[in-house]
Amino acid sequence: MEIGSLAQGNIWFFIINVIWVLPWKGYALWTAARNRDKTWFVLLIILNTFGALEIFYLFYIAKKKPKDIVNLFKRELKETR
């Protein structure tokens, strides 16, 4: 199977993956930068683990709570209106 045909057949997987990973990666990178965690920042930017490493960093290393993430998104939605 060629890579081109593989990509065409799995376009929905790619789209769903991007929708899932981008918010996690963005928030994890932003948090790592604010906490000056250079090692974690580099790991998060290089490795693509489909959100698993980002979620681990946010909840276990940065000690964020799920309500912190919900509040962030609520605040952003209010600011865009």
Protein backbone atom coordinates (compact mmCIF):
# COMPACT_ATOMS: atom_id res chain seq x y z
CA MET A 1 0.00 0.00 0.00
CA GLU A 2 1.38 3.39 -0.97
CA ILE A 3 1.58 6.22 1.52
CA GLY A 4 -0.62 8.41 -0.70
CA SER A 5 -3.46 5.89 -0.77
CA LEU A 6 -3.05 5.26 2.95
CA ALA A 7 -3.47 8.96 3.67
CA GLN A 8 -6.53 9.24 1.42
CA GLY A 9 -8.24 6.27 3.02
CA ASN A 10 -7.72 7.58 6.52
CA ILE A 11 -8.52 11.27 6.09
CA TRP A 12 -11.21 11.10 8.78
CA PHE A 13 -8.76 9.54 11.21
CA PHE A 14 -6.36 12.40 10.48
CA ILE A 15 -9.04 15.06 10.99
CA ILE A 16 -10.28 13.53 14.25
CA ASN A 17 -6.68 13.17 15.45
CA VAL A 18 -5.95 16.83 14.77
CA ILE A 19 -9.14 17.95 16.53
CA TRP A 20 -8.24 15.81 19.57
CA VAL A 21 -4.51 16.58 19.77
CA LEU A 22 -4.29 20.31 19.04
CA PRO A 23 -6.05 21.60 22.17
CA TRP A 24 -4.13 19.21 24.42
CA LYS A 25 -0.79 19.96 22.79
CA GLY A 26 -1.40 23.71 22.76
CA TYR A 27 -2.41 23.89 26.41
CA ALA A 28 0.41 21.56 27.50
CA LEU A 29 3.02 23.58 25.59
CA TRP A 30 1.64 26.84 26.97
CA THR A 31 1.72 25.43 30.52
CA ALA A 32 5.25 24.06 30.12
CA ALA A 33 6.46 27.42 28.82
CA ARG A 34 4.83 29.31 31.69
CA ASN A 35 6.34 26.88 34.21
CA ARG A 36 9.75 27.12 32.50
CA ASP A 37 9.84 23.33 32.03
CA LYS A 38 12.26 23.31 29.09
CA THR A 39 12.67 19.53 29.00
CA TRP A 40 8.92 18.94 28.97
CA PHE A 41 8.43 21.66 26.37
CA VAL A 42 10.91 19.98 24.01
CA LEU A 43 9.43 16.51 24.62
CA LEU A 44 5.89 17.76 24.01
CA ILE A 45 6.82 19.54 20.80
CA ILE A 46 8.79 16.61 19.35
CA LEU A 47 6.76 13.56 20.36
CA ASN A 48 3.31 12.86 18.96
CA THR A 49 1.58 10.51 21.36
CA PHE A 50 -1.99 11.33 20.31
CA GLY A 51 -2.48 13.46 23.42
CA ALA A 52 -1.32 10.92 26.01
CA LEU A 53 1.94 12.67 26.95
CA GLU A 54 0.21 16.05 26.99
CA ILE A 55 -2.53 14.79 29.31
CA PHE A 56 0.08 13.14 31.58
CA TYR A 57 2.06 16.38 31.77
CA LEU A 58 -0.97 18.55 32.51
CA PHE A 59 -2.52 16.39 35.22
CA TYR A 60 0.52 14.75 36.87
CA ILE A 61 3.44 17.12 36.37
CA ALA A 62 1.76 20.54 36.17
CA LYS A 63 -0.91 19.44 38.70
CA LYS A 64 -3.81 20.90 36.70
CA LYS A 65 -7.34 19.85 37.52
CA PRO A 66 -10.04 19.14 34.93
CA LYS A 67 -11.95 22.20 36.13
CA ASP A 68 -8.90 24.37 35.30
CA ILE A 69 -9.14 23.30 31.68
CA VAL A 70 -12.92 23.77 31.55
CA ASN A 71 -12.57 27.26 33.06
CA LEU A 72 -9.89 28.16 30.51
CA PHE A 73 -12.16 27.21 27.61
CA LYS A 74 -15.13 29.04 29.16
CA ARG A 75 -13.02 32.17 29.61
CA GLU A 76 -11.80 31.98 26.00
CA LEU A 77 -15.35 31.58 24.71
CA LYS A 78 -16.51 34.65 26.64
CA GLU A 79 -13.63 36.72 25.27
CA THR A 80 -14.41 35.79 21.65
CA ARG A 81 -18.05 36.90 21.90
